[in-house]
Amino acid sequence: MRSRYSAYVMGLEDYLLASWHASTRPERLDLQEEPKVKWLGLTVHHAASDGDHGTVSFLARYKVGGRAYKLAEHSRFVREEGRWFYLDGDIAE
C-alpha cells in the first residue's frame, strides 16, 4: 500500500498499473490531468494477510485546487507468483 501511495505522489502511472491486478485494472489513470492532486499524507490503520489474500485499511489526505480531501478505503490485495497486486477497495464514508 505504501508503495502505491508513493507512486501516486510521484505520478508513476506505469507502476500503479503494473501493481494493479489484471482483472480490475483500468486502461489508464490520467494522473497528469489538471487540476493536479497534491498528496499530503497516508495513515495505514490496519493491514493483514491470510495466505495469498491481504487487506489494508487506510486514510490518505490530499488537496485539489486548494481544497483538502480525505480518502478512506478498505483495500483488497492478492498475491500471484510472489507479487502482491491491488485488486479493489471499498471507499469509507
N, C-alpha and C. Protein backbone atom coordinates (compact mmCIF):
# COMPACT_ATOMS: atom_id res chain seq x y z
N MET A 1 0.82 -1.19 0.00
CA MET A 1 0.00 0.00 0.00
C MET A 1 0.86 1.25 0.00
N ARG A 2 1.90 1.24 0.81
CA ARG A 2 2.76 2.42 0.87
C ARG A 2 3.45 2.67 -0.46
N SER A 3 3.84 1.62 -1.15
CA SER A 3 4.50 1.83 -2.45
C SER A 3 3.52 2.41 -3.46
N ARG A 4 2.27 2.00 -3.40
CA ARG A 4 1.27 2.54 -4.33
C ARG A 4 0.97 4.00 -3.99
N TYR A 5 0.89 4.33 -2.71
CA TYR A 5 0.69 5.72 -2.32
C TYR A 5 1.86 6.58 -2.83
N SER A 6 3.08 6.10 -2.63
CA SER A 6 4.27 6.84 -3.10
C SER A 6 4.22 7.01 -4.61
N ALA A 7 3.75 6.00 -5.32
CA ALA A 7 3.64 6.11 -6.78
C ALA A 7 2.62 7.17 -7.17
N TYR A 8 1.51 7.28 -6.43
CA TYR A 8 0.55 8.36 -6.70
C TYR A 8 1.21 9.71 -6.46
N VAL A 9 1.96 9.84 -5.36
CA VAL A 9 2.63 11.11 -5.04
C VAL A 9 3.58 11.51 -6.16
N MET A 10 4.32 10.54 -6.68
CA MET A 10 5.33 10.82 -7.70
C MET A 10 4.78 10.74 -9.13
N GLY A 11 3.50 10.42 -9.30
CA GLY A 11 2.90 10.35 -10.62
C GLY A 11 3.37 9.18 -11.46
N LEU A 12 3.68 8.06 -10.83
CA LEU A 12 4.21 6.89 -11.53
C LEU A 12 3.07 5.98 -12.00
N GLU A 13 2.41 6.40 -13.04
CA GLU A 13 1.26 5.66 -13.55
C GLU A 13 1.63 4.24 -13.98
N ASP A 14 2.79 4.07 -14.60
CA ASP A 14 3.20 2.73 -15.05
C ASP A 14 3.31 1.76 -13.87
N TYR A 15 3.87 2.21 -12.74
CA TYR A 15 3.99 1.36 -11.57
C TYR A 15 2.61 1.02 -11.02
N LEU A 16 1.74 2.01 -10.93
CA LEU A 16 0.40 1.78 -10.41
C LEU A 16 -0.35 0.75 -11.24
N LEU A 17 -0.26 0.88 -12.55
CA LEU A 17 -0.95 -0.07 -13.42
C LEU A 17 -0.32 -1.46 -13.33
N ALA A 18 1.00 -1.52 -13.20
CA ALA A 18 1.68 -2.82 -13.11
C ALA A 18 1.38 -3.52 -11.79
N SER A 19 1.06 -2.75 -10.75
CA SER A 19 0.77 -3.36 -9.44
C SER A 19 -0.73 -3.52 -9.21
N TRP A 20 -1.53 -3.30 -10.24
CA TRP A 20 -2.99 -3.44 -10.19
C TRP A 20 -3.34 -4.77 -10.84
N HIS A 21 -4.15 -5.57 -10.22
CA HIS A 21 -4.50 -6.88 -10.76
C HIS A 21 -5.16 -6.73 -12.13
N ALA A 22 -4.79 -7.60 -13.06
CA ALA A 22 -5.29 -7.51 -14.44
C ALA A 22 -6.81 -7.59 -14.53
N SER A 23 -7.45 -8.28 -13.59
CA SER A 23 -8.90 -8.44 -13.66
C SER A 23 -9.67 -7.16 -13.32
N THR A 24 -9.03 -6.20 -12.68
CA THR A 24 -9.72 -4.97 -12.28
C THR A 24 -8.98 -3.71 -12.73
N ARG A 25 -7.86 -3.85 -13.40
CA ARG A 25 -7.00 -2.73 -13.79
C ARG A 25 -7.65 -1.88 -14.89
N PRO A 26 -7.67 -0.55 -14.70
CA PRO A 26 -8.16 0.33 -15.76
C PRO A 26 -7.10 0.44 -16.87
N GLU A 27 -7.50 0.96 -18.02
CA GLU A 27 -6.55 1.14 -19.11
C GLU A 27 -5.51 2.20 -18.78
N ARG A 28 -5.96 3.27 -18.13
CA ARG A 28 -5.04 4.35 -17.76
C ARG A 28 -5.62 5.10 -16.56
N LEU A 29 -4.79 5.96 -15.97
CA LEU A 29 -5.21 6.68 -14.77
C LEU A 29 -5.31 8.19 -14.97
N ASP A 30 -4.65 8.73 -15.97
CA ASP A 30 -4.68 10.18 -16.24
C ASP A 30 -4.23 11.00 -15.04
N LEU A 31 -3.10 10.64 -14.45
CA LEU A 31 -2.59 11.34 -13.28
C LEU A 31 -2.12 12.76 -13.58
N GLN A 32 -1.91 13.07 -14.84
CA GLN A 32 -1.40 14.39 -15.20
C GLN A 32 -2.50 15.41 -15.52
N GLU A 33 -3.76 14.99 -15.42
CA GLU A 33 -4.85 15.92 -15.71
C GLU A 33 -4.89 17.05 -14.70
N GLU A 34 -5.35 18.19 -15.15
CA GLU A 34 -5.50 19.36 -14.28
C GLU A 34 -6.91 19.40 -13.72
N PRO A 35 -7.13 19.90 -12.53
CA PRO A 35 -6.08 20.31 -11.60
C PRO A 35 -5.42 19.09 -10.98
N LYS A 36 -4.13 19.21 -10.74
CA LYS A 36 -3.36 18.09 -10.20
C LYS A 36 -3.65 17.90 -8.72
N VAL A 37 -3.54 16.65 -8.31
CA VAL A 37 -3.72 16.28 -6.91
C VAL A 37 -2.39 16.47 -6.19
N LYS A 38 -2.44 17.08 -5.02
CA LYS A 38 -1.26 17.18 -4.16
C LYS A 38 -1.52 16.28 -2.95
N TRP A 39 -0.76 15.20 -2.86
CA TRP A 39 -0.94 14.25 -1.76
C TRP A 39 -0.25 14.76 -0.52
N LEU A 40 -0.93 14.67 0.63
CA LEU A 40 -0.44 15.25 1.87
C LEU A 40 -0.02 14.23 2.92
N GLY A 41 -0.52 13.01 2.84
CA GLY A 41 -0.13 12.03 3.84
C GLY A 41 -0.96 10.76 3.78
N LEU A 42 -0.39 9.71 4.33
CA LEU A 42 -1.03 8.40 4.37
C LEU A 42 -0.94 7.85 5.79
N THR A 43 -2.06 7.36 6.29
CA THR A 43 -2.10 6.65 7.57
C THR A 43 -2.70 5.28 7.32
N VAL A 44 -1.92 4.25 7.59
CA VAL A 44 -2.41 2.87 7.47
C VAL A 44 -2.97 2.48 8.83
N HIS A 45 -4.25 2.17 8.87
CA HIS A 45 -4.91 1.82 10.13
C HIS A 45 -4.84 0.32 10.43
N HIS A 46 -4.85 -0.49 9.38
CA HIS A 46 -4.85 -1.94 9.58
C HIS A 46 -4.34 -2.62 8.32
N ALA A 47 -3.53 -3.63 8.50
CA ALA A 47 -3.06 -4.45 7.38
C ALA A 47 -3.00 -5.90 7.85
N ALA A 48 -3.48 -6.79 7.01
CA ALA A 48 -3.48 -8.21 7.36
C ALA A 48 -3.39 -9.05 6.09
N SER A 49 -2.85 -10.25 6.23
CA SER A 49 -2.84 -11.18 5.10
C SER A 49 -3.17 -12.57 5.61
N ASP A 50 -3.78 -13.34 4.73
CA ASP A 50 -4.14 -14.72 5.01
C ASP A 50 -3.79 -15.50 3.75
N GLY A 51 -2.63 -16.08 3.74
CA GLY A 51 -2.18 -16.77 2.54
C GLY A 51 -1.90 -15.78 1.43
N ASP A 52 -2.61 -15.93 0.32
CA ASP A 52 -2.38 -15.06 -0.84
C ASP A 52 -3.39 -13.93 -0.95
N HIS A 53 -4.11 -13.66 0.13
CA HIS A 53 -5.07 -12.55 0.13
C HIS A 53 -4.71 -11.60 1.26
N GLY A 54 -4.82 -10.30 0.99
CA GLY A 54 -4.50 -9.31 2.00
C GLY A 54 -5.48 -8.17 1.98
N THR A 55 -5.54 -7.45 3.09
CA THR A 55 -6.39 -6.27 3.20
C THR A 55 -5.60 -5.15 3.87
N VAL A 56 -5.91 -3.92 3.49
CA VAL A 56 -5.31 -2.74 4.09
C VAL A 56 -6.39 -1.69 4.23
N SER A 57 -6.52 -1.14 5.43
CA SER A 57 -7.44 -0.02 5.67
C SER A 57 -6.57 1.21 5.88
N PHE A 58 -6.86 2.28 5.15
CA PHE A 58 -6.01 3.46 5.21
C PHE A 58 -6.82 4.74 5.07
N LEU A 59 -6.15 5.84 5.41
CA LEU A 59 -6.68 7.18 5.18
C LEU A 59 -5.59 7.96 4.46
N ALA A 60 -5.92 8.50 3.30
CA ALA A 60 -4.99 9.34 2.55
C ALA A 60 -5.57 10.76 2.50
N ARG A 61 -4.71 11.74 2.72
CA ARG A 61 -5.14 13.14 2.66
C ARG A 61 -4.52 13.77 1.42
N TYR A 62 -5.31 14.65 0.76
CA TYR A 62 -4.82 15.30 -0.46
C TYR A 62 -5.56 16.61 -0.68
N LYS A 63 -5.00 17.41 -1.59
CA LYS A 63 -5.63 18.67 -1.98
C LYS A 63 -5.78 18.70 -3.49
N VAL A 64 -6.87 19.30 -3.93
CA VAL A 64 -7.11 19.56 -5.34
C VAL A 64 -7.63 20.99 -5.43
N GLY A 65 -6.93 21.81 -6.22
CA GLY A 65 -7.36 23.20 -6.38
C GLY A 65 -7.42 23.95 -5.06
N GLY A 66 -6.54 23.64 -4.12
CA GLY A 66 -6.50 24.32 -2.85
C GLY A 66 -7.48 23.80 -1.81
N ARG A 67 -8.33 22.86 -2.17
CA ARG A 67 -9.31 22.31 -1.24
C ARG A 67 -8.84 20.95 -0.73
N ALA A 68 -8.95 20.72 0.58
CA ALA A 68 -8.48 19.48 1.20
C ALA A 68 -9.55 18.40 1.17
N TYR A 69 -9.10 17.16 0.99
CA TYR A 69 -9.98 15.99 0.97
C TYR A 69 -9.33 14.85 1.73
N LYS A 70 -10.15 13.86 2.06
CA LYS A 70 -9.66 12.62 2.68
C LYS A 70 -10.24 11.45 1.91
N LEU A 71 -9.43 10.43 1.74
CA LEU A 71 -9.87 9.19 1.11
C LEU A 71 -9.63 8.06 2.10
N ALA A 72 -10.69 7.45 2.58
CA ALA A 72 -10.59 6.29 3.47
C ALA A 72 -11.04 5.08 2.67
N GLU A 73 -10.20 4.05 2.65
CA GLU A 73 -10.52 2.87 1.85
C GLU A 73 -10.09 1.60 2.58
N HIS A 74 -10.86 0.56 2.37
CA HIS A 74 -10.52 -0.79 2.80
C HIS A 74 -10.16 -1.53 1.50
N SER A 75 -8.87 -1.73 1.27
CA SER A 75 -8.37 -2.29 0.01
C SER A 75 -8.13 -3.79 0.11
N ARG A 76 -8.31 -4.47 -1.00
CA ARG A 76 -8.04 -5.90 -1.09
C ARG A 76 -6.88 -6.13 -2.07
N PHE A 77 -6.00 -7.02 -1.68
CA PHE A 77 -4.83 -7.37 -2.49
C PHE A 77 -4.79 -8.88 -2.66
N VAL A 78 -4.15 -9.31 -3.74
CA VAL A 78 -3.96 -10.73 -3.99
C VAL A 78 -2.50 -10.94 -4.40
N ARG A 79 -1.91 -12.06 -3.93
CA ARG A 79 -0.53 -12.38 -4.28
C ARG A 79 -0.53 -13.47 -5.35
N GLU A 80 0.18 -13.20 -6.43
CA GLU A 80 0.34 -14.17 -7.51
C GLU A 80 1.81 -14.27 -7.86
N GLU A 81 2.32 -15.48 -7.88
CA GLU A 81 3.72 -15.74 -8.21
C GLU A 81 4.65 -14.86 -7.37
N GLY A 82 4.31 -14.71 -6.09
CA GLY A 82 5.15 -13.97 -5.17
C GLY A 82 4.99 -12.46 -5.17
N ARG A 83 4.14 -11.92 -6.04
CA ARG A 83 3.93 -10.46 -6.12
C ARG A 83 2.54 -10.11 -5.66
N TRP A 84 2.43 -9.00 -4.89
CA TRP A 84 1.14 -8.50 -4.44
C TRP A 84 0.57 -7.54 -5.48
N PHE A 85 -0.74 -7.69 -5.73
CA PHE A 85 -1.45 -6.82 -6.67
C PHE A 85 -2.68 -6.23 -5.98
N TYR A 86 -2.92 -4.94 -6.22
CA TYR A 86 -4.15 -4.30 -5.75
C TYR A 86 -5.31 -4.89 -6.54
N LEU A 87 -6.33 -5.34 -5.85
CA LEU A 87 -7.49 -5.93 -6.51
C LEU A 87 -8.63 -4.91 -6.59
N ASP A 88 -9.09 -4.43 -5.44
CA ASP A 88 -10.14 -3.43 -5.41
C ASP A 88 -10.27 -2.91 -3.98
N GLY A 89 -11.23 -2.03 -3.78
CA GLY A 89 -11.40 -1.49 -2.45
C GLY A 89 -12.77 -0.90 -2.25
N ASP A 90 -13.15 -0.78 -1.00
CA ASP A 90 -14.42 -0.14 -0.61
C ASP A 90 -14.10 1.20 0.01
N ILE A 91 -14.67 2.25 -0.53
CA ILE A 91 -14.48 3.60 -0.01
C ILE A 91 -15.35 3.76 1.23
N ALA A 92 -14.74 4.26 2.30
CA ALA A 92 -15.48 4.51 3.53
C ALA A 92 -16.01 5.95 3.51
N GLU A 93 -17.19 6.14 4.05
CA GLU A 93 -17.78 7.48 4.11
C GLU A 93 -17.17 8.29 5.21
